[in-house]
Amino acid sequence: MNKNLMWFRNDLRIHDNTALHNACLSNIDEVICLFISTPKQWKKHFVSVKKISFIYQNLISLKKELLKLNIILYYYECTDFLSSIEYLFYFCGKHKVNSLFYNYQYESNEKDRDYLITQKLSMQGISIKGFHDNLLINPNKIKNKNGQPYKKFYFFKHTIINYLSENVPICFPIPKKRILCNKNNIDRIYFSKNFHINFNQNLFPIGEKEAIKKLKFFYTYKIEDYLVKRNFPSLNGTSMLSPYLSLGIISIRYCLQILFKKYKKKPLIDTLHTPWINEIIWREFYYHLLINFPMLSKSQSLFKWEKKINWSNNINYLNSWKNGETGFPIVDAAMKQLYQIGWMHNRLRMITASFLVKNLLINWRYGEKYFMSHLIDGDYALNNGGWQWSASIGSDSTSYIRVFHPSRQSEIFDKSGAFIKKYLPSLKIVPNNYIHNPYEWIIKSKCQIDYPKPIVNYQNSKQKFLLEYKLAKSFYNKNKD
């Protein structure tokens, strides 16, 4: 009989958890689990307080579900990854662990941590078993004809769809209840005073079961209209599953498998469901990029010429953007949403990111870190990939540079200003035909409203940005070796 340790990280679930499934394969082995929190490391990585609170509350839920299976979840809080290595080594010795099971994480610091603990435990004769669990497909199986990883989404998507047409992702069941379990002296999960519930539980209820409910509700009532409603922030047309996926509270494979069962694989060719599949594949793409191009987790871009961009990095503009005081209502309302609930609609993420980079000429890295520091669904691979895409220095397949016009975007996707007025109540008195340019109405009506004048001229700032990008590329091409 062995004692197996399941090391939980970003995989806080019991259903379709690859490492947990493998740890429980033998009925006679004793299985214990461990989660190590690292507040100092989280702060260094700009993890938001809302996300940390969400982690703790979901750990409580996970602990209860594991106990039903006669599996104990131990908890320990230390400062950073280095100290977590020392504690894990100590824990394995104390509990006489024979095998360690975990699911891979792909960021640079996390990979270094896992390498060090693997080396240290292997020297003690402990078996180490890691798994690609946070993905649909093993990244080694998705390469181009030259055996190289994809950099462009279009070609990646084509390959993924072909693969999934022949290979439905396997989902592992919940492990069977264990025979052996020592429930004496079970450590309780300790909560730092700053990390009690401070997120909206109505929007983000706690636990894997609630995540599955959300998924099934989305498939039952929302997915048929997803193509039409997904871009309108006031319509609540999205799944709102991103916080659960970011912590592995629900499996991405399970999301796809349930969809396949419902529509018998039609989503792969059915345009009605293509946008939802598209979002799943984008998620996969950004993870594969992070795995295949490790420099992405060190704030580097795919294109070297990006280093030659002459960013203005105006601190006043940056603060106006953060505070939702740019004078562009859709940008400001989106930033207020981010601050208030720790989540932002995907269309709004693109609009606000484009505005920061391409109208304020501020380095995308400032926006990337600010988003991470406030998002309850902060996910490094997706956040980094999204910002590089928005900055047109990443994986965009188009030959032109996209620049979102905030006013036109809100005219299309928030025509009546319902979303704008929800998060900018001072603009409720502004007539709908002026809601996308309220400053014009303020001047005409001479009405005193606490709302700022636009901080930049859209067209002028766009042209300045395009010129800076053109100069950066030109300078790099002339001076590269």
Protein backbone atom coordinates (compact mmCIF):
# COMPACT_ATOMS: atom_id res chain seq x y z
CA MET A 1 0.00 0.00 0.00
CA ASN A 2 1.27 3.47 -0.96
CA LYS A 3 0.41 6.89 0.35
CA ASN A 4 -0.34 9.28 -2.53
CA LEU A 5 -0.33 13.04 -2.19
CA MET A 6 -2.46 15.15 -4.49
CA TRP A 7 -1.03 18.68 -4.61
CA PHE A 8 -3.85 21.07 -5.51
CA ARG A 9 -3.03 24.36 -7.27
CA ASN A 10 -5.22 25.81 -10.04
CA ASP A 11 -7.47 22.72 -10.16
CA LEU A 12 -9.90 23.07 -7.26
CA ARG A 13 -12.35 20.32 -8.25
CA ILE A 14 -12.97 16.61 -7.84
CA HIS A 15 -14.60 15.88 -11.22
CA ASP A 16 -12.33 15.42 -14.25
CA ASN A 17 -9.19 16.21 -12.31
CA THR A 18 -6.40 14.27 -14.03
CA ALA A 19 -3.94 14.24 -11.15
CA LEU A 20 -6.58 13.40 -8.55
CA HIS A 21 -7.97 10.62 -10.76
CA ASN A 22 -4.55 9.03 -11.14
CA ALA A 23 -3.78 9.39 -7.44
CA CYS A 24 -6.96 7.41 -6.69
CA LEU A 25 -6.56 4.63 -9.26
CA SER A 26 -5.61 2.02 -6.68
CA ASN A 27 -8.34 1.28 -4.16
CA ILE A 28 -5.87 0.20 -1.51
CA ASP A 29 -3.65 3.31 -1.62
CA GLU A 30 -4.25 6.02 0.94
CA VAL A 31 -4.77 9.43 -0.67
CA ILE A 32 -4.25 12.78 1.01
CA CYS A 33 -4.31 16.27 -0.48
CA LEU A 34 -2.53 19.55 0.15
CA PHE A 35 -3.00 23.17 -0.84
CA ILE A 36 -0.26 25.70 -0.08
CA SER A 37 -1.21 29.38 -0.28
CA THR A 38 1.53 31.91 -1.02
CA PRO A 39 0.22 35.45 -0.35
CA LYS A 40 3.60 37.14 -0.92
CA GLN A 41 4.00 35.38 -4.28
CA TRP A 42 0.43 36.22 -5.24
CA LYS A 43 1.08 39.87 -4.51
CA LYS A 44 4.20 39.75 -6.66
CA HIS A 45 2.09 38.30 -9.47
CA PHE A 46 -0.63 40.98 -9.03
CA VAL A 47 -3.31 38.46 -8.02
CA SER A 48 -6.40 40.44 -7.01
CA VAL A 49 -7.87 40.42 -3.51
CA LYS A 50 -11.18 39.28 -4.99
CA LYS A 51 -9.52 36.29 -6.63
CA ILE A 52 -7.67 35.38 -3.43
CA SER A 53 -10.95 35.54 -1.52
CA PHE A 54 -12.54 33.36 -4.21
CA ILE A 55 -9.69 30.84 -3.82
CA TYR A 56 -10.17 30.55 -0.07
CA GLN A 57 -13.94 30.14 -0.25
CA ASN A 58 -13.66 27.48 -2.93
CA LEU A 59 -11.05 25.65 -0.84
CA ILE A 60 -13.64 25.30 1.91
CA SER A 61 -16.08 23.83 -0.59
CA LEU A 62 -13.41 21.51 -2.01
CA LYS A 63 -12.42 20.31 1.47
CA LYS A 64 -16.02 19.31 2.21
CA GLU A 65 -16.41 17.44 -1.07
CA LEU A 66 -13.14 15.57 -0.57
CA LEU A 67 -14.14 14.50 2.95
CA LYS A 68 -17.21 12.83 1.45
CA LEU A 69 -14.71 10.66 -0.42
CA ASN A 70 -12.70 10.01 2.77
CA ILE A 71 -9.90 12.20 1.44
CA ILE A 72 -8.35 14.87 3.66
CA LEU A 73 -7.32 18.24 2.28
CA TYR A 74 -4.50 19.77 4.33
CA TYR A 75 -3.78 23.46 4.12
CA TYR A 76 -0.71 25.53 4.80
CA GLU A 77 0.05 29.21 4.32
CA CYS A 78 3.59 30.37 3.64
CA THR A 79 5.06 33.40 1.92
CA ASP A 80 6.30 32.45 -1.54
CA PHE A 81 7.17 29.59 -3.87
CA LEU A 82 10.59 29.04 -2.33
CA SER A 83 9.15 28.47 1.13
CA SER A 84 6.39 26.30 -0.39
CA ILE A 85 9.09 23.97 -1.71
CA GLU A 86 10.57 23.58 1.76
CA TYR A 87 7.18 22.95 3.31
CA LEU A 88 6.14 20.40 0.68
CA PHE A 89 9.40 18.52 1.26
CA TYR A 90 8.74 18.56 5.02
CA PHE A 91 5.09 17.51 4.55
CA CYS A 92 6.02 14.50 2.38
CA GLY A 93 8.48 13.33 5.02
CA LYS A 94 6.07 13.82 7.90
CA HIS A 95 3.25 11.91 6.19
CA LYS A 96 5.50 9.26 4.63
CA VAL A 97 4.34 10.08 1.10
CA ASN A 98 5.35 7.63 -1.64
CA SER A 99 4.02 9.45 -4.70
CA LEU A 100 3.24 13.08 -5.52
CA PHE A 101 0.56 13.89 -8.11
CA TYR A 102 -0.06 17.34 -9.57
CA ASN A 103 -1.33 19.11 -12.67
CA TYR A 104 1.10 21.29 -14.58
CA GLN A 105 1.23 25.06 -14.37
CA TYR A 106 2.96 26.83 -17.22
CA GLU A 107 4.16 30.23 -16.01
CA SER A 108 7.91 30.69 -15.54
CA ASN A 109 8.01 30.90 -11.73
CA GLU A 110 5.62 27.99 -11.33
CA LYS A 111 7.66 25.81 -13.69
CA ASP A 112 10.85 26.64 -11.78
CA ARG A 113 9.15 25.75 -8.50
CA ASP A 114 7.94 22.42 -9.86
CA TYR A 115 11.37 21.58 -11.25
CA LEU A 116 13.04 22.23 -7.89
CA ILE A 117 10.53 20.20 -5.90
CA THR A 118 10.77 17.35 -8.41
CA GLN A 119 14.54 17.27 -8.03
CA LYS A 120 14.36 17.40 -4.25
CA LEU A 121 11.68 14.74 -3.78
CA SER A 122 13.13 12.40 -6.41
CA MET A 123 16.33 12.24 -4.39
CA GLN A 124 14.23 10.88 -1.53
CA GLY A 125 12.76 8.15 -3.71
CA ILE A 126 9.36 9.79 -4.03
CA SER A 127 7.63 9.24 -7.38
CA ILE A 128 6.55 12.44 -9.15
CA LYS A 129 3.66 12.38 -11.64
CA GLY A 130 2.57 15.54 -13.47
CA PHE A 131 -0.26 15.96 -15.99
CA HIS A 132 -1.54 18.37 -18.66
CA ASP A 133 -4.91 18.98 -17.05
CA ASN A 134 -5.76 22.61 -17.76
CA LEU A 135 -5.96 22.04 -21.53
CA LEU A 136 -8.08 20.29 -24.10
CA ILE A 137 -5.08 18.77 -25.83
CA ASN A 138 -1.50 17.93 -24.93
CA PRO A 139 0.52 20.84 -26.41
CA ASN A 140 3.04 18.42 -27.91
CA LYS A 141 0.34 17.16 -30.28
CA ILE A 142 -0.49 20.52 -31.88
CA LYS A 143 2.27 21.62 -34.24
CA ASN A 144 2.46 22.93 -37.80
CA LYS A 145 3.80 20.95 -40.77
CA ASN A 146 7.36 21.88 -39.79
CA GLY A 147 6.89 20.60 -36.26
CA GLN A 148 6.81 24.14 -34.86
CA PRO A 149 4.20 25.70 -32.55
CA TYR A 150 1.61 28.00 -34.06
CA LYS A 151 1.86 31.77 -33.61
CA LYS A 152 -1.33 32.68 -35.46
CA PHE A 153 -4.80 31.78 -34.20
CA TYR A 154 -6.40 31.01 -37.57
CA PHE A 155 -4.06 28.11 -38.34
CA PHE A 156 -4.10 26.87 -34.73
CA LYS A 157 -7.90 26.85 -34.73
CA HIS A 158 -8.05 24.86 -37.96
CA THR A 159 -5.74 22.20 -36.53
CA ILE A 160 -7.61 22.05 -33.20
CA ILE A 161 -10.99 21.59 -34.88
CA ASN A 162 -9.64 18.80 -37.06
CA TYR A 163 -8.17 17.13 -33.99
CA LEU A 164 -11.34 17.46 -31.91
CA SER A 165 -13.45 16.10 -34.77
CA GLU A 166 -11.61 12.81 -34.35
CA ASN A 167 -10.72 12.94 -30.63
CA VAL A 168 -13.38 13.86 -28.09
CA PRO A 169 -11.68 14.92 -24.83
CA ILE A 170 -11.90 12.30 -22.10
CA CYS A 171 -13.34 13.38 -18.76
CA PHE A 172 -12.48 11.44 -15.62
CA PRO A 173 -15.25 10.65 -13.13
CA ILE A 174 -15.28 11.65 -9.49
CA PRO A 175 -13.02 9.21 -7.57
CA LYS A 176 -14.71 6.46 -5.60
CA LYS A 177 -14.93 6.79 -1.84
CA ARG A 178 -11.68 5.69 -0.20
CA ILE A 179 -11.49 2.82 2.26
CA LEU A 180 -8.63 4.24 4.32
CA CYS A 181 -8.77 7.68 5.87
CA ASN A 182 -7.26 9.02 9.09
CA LYS A 183 -9.50 11.91 10.10
CA ASN A 184 -7.68 12.66 13.35
CA ASN A 185 -6.07 16.07 13.74
CA ILE A 186 -7.35 17.46 10.46
CA ASP A 187 -5.95 20.94 9.91
CA ARG A 188 -8.61 23.56 9.43
CA ILE A 189 -8.25 26.07 6.62
CA TYR A 190 -7.02 29.35 8.06
CA PHE A 191 -8.17 32.63 6.56
CA SER A 192 -6.13 35.79 6.70
CA LYS A 193 -8.31 38.64 7.95
CA ASN A 194 -8.01 40.49 4.65
CA PHE A 195 -9.32 37.63 2.57
CA HIS A 196 -12.86 37.05 3.75
CA ILE A 197 -15.65 37.14 1.17
CA ASN A 198 -15.49 40.42 -0.74
CA PHE A 199 -16.88 39.34 -4.11
CA ASN A 200 -20.46 39.14 -5.36
CA GLN A 201 -21.68 35.64 -4.51
CA ASN A 202 -24.81 36.13 -6.60
CA LEU A 203 -22.62 36.55 -9.67
CA PHE A 204 -19.99 34.04 -8.58
CA PRO A 205 -21.45 31.40 -6.25
CA ILE A 206 -18.96 29.16 -4.50
CA GLY A 207 -18.02 25.61 -5.42
CA GLU A 208 -17.69 23.12 -8.26
CA LYS A 209 -21.37 22.19 -8.13
CA GLU A 210 -22.33 25.83 -8.65
CA ALA A 211 -19.91 26.08 -11.58
CA ILE A 212 -21.53 23.04 -13.21
CA LYS A 213 -24.97 24.60 -12.63
CA LYS A 214 -23.77 27.76 -14.37
CA LEU A 215 -22.48 25.74 -17.31
CA LYS A 216 -25.71 23.79 -17.73
CA PHE A 217 -27.81 26.95 -17.37
CA PHE A 218 -25.74 28.59 -20.09
CA TYR A 219 -26.16 25.63 -22.42
CA THR A 220 -29.90 25.43 -21.72
CA TYR A 221 -30.89 29.09 -21.84
CA LYS A 222 -28.11 31.21 -23.34
CA ILE A 223 -26.05 29.43 -25.96
CA GLU A 224 -28.71 29.61 -28.68
CA ASP A 225 -28.56 33.41 -28.47
CA TYR A 226 -24.82 33.64 -27.75
CA LEU A 227 -23.96 34.62 -31.32
CA VAL A 228 -26.36 37.58 -31.14
CA LYS A 229 -26.00 38.67 -27.50
CA ARG A 230 -22.38 37.98 -26.57
CA ASN A 231 -21.11 41.44 -27.59
CA PHE A 232 -23.73 43.45 -25.71
CA PRO A 233 -22.57 44.09 -22.12
CA SER A 234 -26.01 45.00 -20.80
CA LEU A 235 -27.65 41.72 -21.92
CA ASN A 236 -25.92 39.19 -19.63
CA GLY A 237 -25.42 36.91 -22.61
CA THR A 238 -22.13 35.28 -21.58
CA SER A 239 -21.45 32.21 -19.45
CA MET A 240 -19.65 34.02 -16.57
CA LEU A 241 -17.57 30.86 -16.13
CA SER A 242 -14.16 32.51 -16.41
CA PRO A 243 -13.48 32.73 -12.63
CA TYR A 244 -14.14 29.00 -12.33
CA LEU A 245 -11.97 28.11 -15.31
CA SER A 246 -9.13 30.30 -14.05
CA LEU A 247 -8.95 28.26 -10.82
CA GLY A 248 -9.85 24.93 -12.36
CA ILE A 249 -13.10 24.75 -10.40
CA ILE A 250 -14.58 23.39 -13.60
CA SER A 251 -12.74 21.52 -16.35
CA ILE A 252 -12.48 22.97 -19.86
CA ARG A 253 -12.76 19.41 -21.21
CA TYR A 254 -15.99 18.94 -19.29
CA CYS A 255 -17.35 22.18 -20.79
CA LEU A 256 -16.71 20.84 -24.27
CA GLN A 257 -17.86 17.29 -23.56
CA ILE A 258 -21.24 18.42 -22.24
CA LEU A 259 -21.68 20.55 -25.36
CA PHE A 260 -20.81 17.59 -27.58
CA LYS A 261 -23.36 15.43 -25.77
CA LYS A 262 -26.05 18.08 -26.14
CA TYR A 263 -25.48 18.72 -29.84
CA LYS A 264 -23.77 15.49 -30.94
CA LYS A 265 -20.60 17.29 -32.11
CA LYS A 266 -22.56 19.74 -34.27
CA PRO A 267 -20.89 22.79 -32.62
CA LEU A 268 -17.73 22.14 -34.61
CA ILE A 269 -19.54 22.87 -37.86
CA ASP A 270 -22.67 24.67 -36.68
CA THR A 271 -22.20 28.44 -37.04
CA LEU A 272 -24.80 29.05 -34.32
CA HIS A 273 -22.40 27.65 -31.73
CA THR A 274 -19.10 28.58 -33.40
CA PRO A 275 -18.52 31.73 -31.26
CA TRP A 276 -18.60 29.73 -28.02
CA ILE A 277 -16.29 27.08 -29.45
CA ASN A 278 -14.13 29.93 -30.70
CA GLU A 279 -13.71 31.30 -27.19
CA ILE A 280 -12.72 27.87 -25.88
CA ILE A 281 -10.11 27.56 -28.64
CA TRP A 282 -8.77 31.06 -27.96
CA ARG A 283 -8.22 29.99 -24.36
CA GLU A 284 -6.38 26.90 -25.54
CA PHE A 285 -4.33 28.96 -27.97
CA TYR A 286 -3.08 31.38 -25.33
CA TYR A 287 -2.02 28.49 -23.10
CA HIS A 288 -0.17 26.81 -25.95
CA LEU A 289 1.58 30.11 -26.72
CA LEU A 290 2.69 30.43 -23.09
CA ILE A 291 4.00 26.86 -23.07
CA ASN A 292 5.85 27.11 -26.37
CA PHE A 293 7.19 30.64 -25.90
CA PRO A 294 8.29 30.92 -22.25
CA MET A 295 9.43 34.53 -22.69
CA LEU A 296 5.74 35.51 -22.69
CA SER A 297 5.62 34.88 -18.94
CA LYS A 298 8.48 37.38 -18.56
CA SER A 299 6.58 40.32 -20.08
CA GLN A 300 8.17 39.89 -23.49
CA SER A 301 6.29 39.90 -26.77
CA LEU A 302 6.47 37.63 -29.80
CA PHE A 303 7.94 40.43 -31.92
CA LYS A 304 11.26 42.05 -31.08
CA TRP A 305 10.44 45.33 -32.79
CA GLU A 306 7.97 46.06 -29.98
CA LYS A 307 10.92 47.10 -27.80
CA LYS A 308 11.49 50.07 -30.11
CA ILE A 309 8.08 51.63 -29.54
CA ASN A 310 8.38 55.05 -27.96
CA TRP A 311 5.61 54.84 -25.37
CA SER A 312 4.45 58.12 -23.86
CA ASN A 313 3.30 56.50 -20.57
CA ASN A 314 1.58 59.69 -19.40
CA ILE A 315 0.83 59.03 -15.74
CA ASN A 316 -2.20 61.36 -15.74
CA TYR A 317 -3.71 59.54 -18.69
CA LEU A 318 -3.02 56.20 -17.03
CA ASN A 319 -4.75 57.28 -13.82
CA SER A 320 -7.71 58.65 -15.77
CA TRP A 321 -8.03 55.29 -17.50
CA LYS A 322 -7.79 53.34 -14.23
CA ASN A 323 -10.36 55.56 -12.52
CA GLY A 324 -12.84 55.58 -15.40
CA GLU A 325 -12.40 59.30 -16.05
CA THR A 326 -11.30 59.48 -19.70
CA GLY A 327 -14.38 61.24 -21.05
CA PHE A 328 -15.19 58.23 -23.25
CA PRO A 329 -18.30 56.69 -21.60
CA ILE A 330 -17.93 53.07 -22.71
CA VAL A 331 -14.30 53.01 -21.54
CA ASP A 332 -15.15 54.64 -18.22
CA ALA A 333 -18.17 52.42 -17.54
CA ALA A 334 -16.10 49.32 -18.28
CA MET A 335 -13.35 50.39 -15.89
CA LYS A 336 -15.97 51.04 -13.19
CA GLN A 337 -17.35 47.54 -13.76
CA LEU A 338 -13.87 46.08 -13.34
CA TYR A 339 -13.31 47.96 -10.09
CA GLN A 340 -16.72 47.14 -8.63
CA ILE A 341 -17.19 43.44 -9.42
CA GLY A 342 -13.71 42.30 -10.46
CA TRP A 343 -14.90 41.20 -13.88
CA MET A 344 -15.28 42.83 -17.28
CA HIS A 345 -17.21 41.84 -20.37
CA ASN A 346 -14.86 40.57 -23.11
CA ARG A 347 -15.90 43.18 -25.69
CA LEU A 348 -15.14 45.84 -23.11
CA ARG A 349 -11.73 44.32 -22.36
CA MET A 350 -10.84 44.79 -26.02
CA ILE A 351 -12.18 48.35 -26.13
CA THR A 352 -10.44 49.51 -22.95
CA ALA A 353 -7.17 47.81 -23.86
CA SER A 354 -7.18 49.29 -27.34
CA PHE A 355 -7.85 52.73 -25.91
CA LEU A 356 -5.01 52.56 -23.40
CA VAL A 357 -2.44 51.39 -25.94
CA LYS A 358 -3.60 52.97 -29.19
CA ASN A 359 -5.07 56.27 -28.04
CA LEU A 360 -3.13 57.00 -24.86
CA LEU A 361 0.09 55.36 -26.15
CA ILE A 362 0.70 53.66 -22.81
CA ASN A 363 2.71 50.45 -22.64
CA TRP A 364 0.34 47.48 -22.63
CA ARG A 365 2.18 46.00 -19.62
CA TYR A 366 0.66 48.66 -17.34
CA GLY A 367 -2.81 47.60 -18.42
CA GLU A 368 -1.98 43.92 -18.14
CA LYS A 369 -0.88 44.30 -14.52
CA TYR A 370 -3.80 46.54 -13.61
CA PHE A 371 -6.31 44.05 -14.97
CA MET A 372 -4.65 41.18 -13.07
CA SER A 373 -4.71 43.21 -9.85
CA HIS A 374 -8.51 43.60 -10.06
CA LEU A 375 -9.90 40.59 -11.95
CA ILE A 376 -11.55 37.77 -10.05
CA ASP A 377 -10.88 35.65 -13.15
CA GLY A 378 -7.28 36.79 -13.60
CA ASP A 379 -5.44 34.19 -15.65
CA TYR A 380 -1.91 35.00 -16.75
CA ALA A 381 -2.01 33.18 -20.10
CA LEU A 382 -5.34 34.69 -21.13
CA ASN A 383 -4.69 38.16 -19.76
CA ASN A 384 -1.23 38.38 -21.32
CA GLY A 385 -2.45 36.96 -24.62
CA GLY A 386 -5.40 39.34 -24.72
CA TRP A 387 -3.27 42.38 -24.03
CA GLN A 388 -0.67 41.45 -26.62
CA TRP A 389 -3.47 40.86 -29.15
CA SER A 390 -5.01 44.23 -28.28
CA ALA A 391 -1.62 45.92 -28.62
CA SER A 392 -1.13 44.30 -32.06
CA ILE A 393 2.24 42.90 -31.04
CA GLY A 394 1.08 39.34 -30.41
CA SER A 395 -0.87 36.65 -32.17
CA ASP A 396 -3.30 38.62 -34.33
CA SER A 397 -3.61 37.06 -37.78
CA THR A 398 -4.74 40.23 -39.58
CA SER A 399 -2.42 42.20 -41.82
CA TYR A 400 -3.75 45.52 -40.50
CA ILE A 401 -3.73 47.11 -37.05
CA ARG A 402 -7.09 47.14 -35.28
CA VAL A 403 -7.97 50.32 -33.41
CA PHE A 404 -11.33 50.30 -31.64
CA HIS A 405 -13.24 53.58 -31.81
CA PRO A 406 -14.85 53.80 -28.34
CA SER A 407 -17.82 55.91 -29.40
CA ARG A 408 -18.63 53.76 -32.41
CA GLN A 409 -18.28 50.62 -30.32
CA SER A 410 -20.74 51.89 -27.74
CA GLU A 411 -23.15 53.10 -30.46
CA ILE A 412 -23.23 49.53 -31.82
CA PHE A 413 -23.09 47.48 -28.62
CA ASP A 414 -24.72 49.81 -26.06
CA LYS A 415 -26.98 51.90 -28.29
CA SER A 416 -29.35 53.13 -25.59
CA GLY A 417 -26.53 53.56 -23.08
CA ALA A 418 -28.05 51.05 -20.64
CA PHE A 419 -24.64 49.69 -19.61
CA ILE A 420 -23.04 53.14 -19.54
CA LYS A 421 -25.74 54.56 -17.29
CA LYS A 422 -25.55 51.58 -14.94
CA TYR A 423 -21.92 52.25 -14.10
CA LEU A 424 -21.89 56.01 -14.72
CA PRO A 425 -25.07 57.17 -12.94
CA SER A 426 -24.13 60.83 -13.42
CA LEU A 427 -24.95 60.36 -17.11
CA LYS A 428 -28.52 59.14 -16.56
CA ILE A 429 -29.90 62.58 -17.41
CA VAL A 430 -28.05 62.69 -20.73
CA PRO A 431 -30.38 62.06 -23.72
CA ASN A 432 -29.74 58.77 -25.50
CA ASN A 433 -28.68 60.46 -28.72
CA TYR A 434 -25.83 62.13 -26.79
CA ILE A 435 -24.92 59.32 -24.41
CA HIS A 436 -21.88 58.27 -26.46
CA ASN A 437 -20.57 61.83 -26.54
CA PRO A 438 -21.98 63.46 -23.39
CA TYR A 439 -19.51 66.32 -23.34
CA GLU A 440 -21.08 67.70 -26.53
CA TRP A 441 -24.47 67.75 -24.80
CA ILE A 442 -22.98 69.30 -21.66
CA ILE A 443 -21.60 72.19 -23.74
CA LYS A 444 -24.85 72.68 -25.69
CA SER A 445 -27.18 72.43 -22.72
CA LYS A 446 -24.82 74.22 -20.31
CA CYS A 447 -25.75 71.56 -17.78
CA GLN A 448 -23.40 70.94 -14.89
CA ILE A 449 -22.56 67.22 -14.75
CA ASP A 450 -19.68 65.61 -12.93
CA TYR A 451 -18.17 64.04 -16.02
CA PRO A 452 -14.85 64.93 -17.67
CA LYS A 453 -14.04 66.24 -21.11
CA PRO A 454 -12.39 63.60 -23.36
CA ILE A 455 -8.72 63.52 -22.42
CA VAL A 456 -7.56 62.99 -26.02
CA ASN A 457 -8.82 63.55 -29.54
CA TYR A 458 -9.54 60.08 -30.88
CA GLN A 459 -8.42 60.65 -34.48
CA ASN A 460 -5.24 62.57 -33.61
CA SER A 461 -4.21 60.04 -30.95
CA LYS A 462 -4.84 57.16 -33.36
CA GLN A 463 -2.62 58.71 -36.02
CA LYS A 464 0.14 59.33 -33.48
CA PHE A 465 -0.02 55.70 -32.41
CA LEU A 466 0.12 54.38 -35.99
CA LEU A 467 3.13 56.57 -36.71
CA GLU A 468 4.95 55.34 -33.59
CA TYR A 469 4.36 51.71 -34.56
CA LYS A 470 5.52 52.36 -38.11
CA LEU A 471 8.70 54.05 -36.87
CA ALA A 472 9.41 51.24 -34.39
CA LYS A 473 9.15 48.57 -37.09
CA SER A 474 11.21 50.60 -39.53
CA PHE A 475 13.97 51.32 -37.00
CA TYR A 476 14.14 47.67 -35.95
CA ASN A 477 14.29 46.36 -39.52
CA LYS A 478 17.11 48.77 -40.39
CA ASN A 479 19.21 47.96 -37.35
CA LYS A 480 18.66 44.27 -36.71
CA ASP A 481 21.58 41.92 -37.25
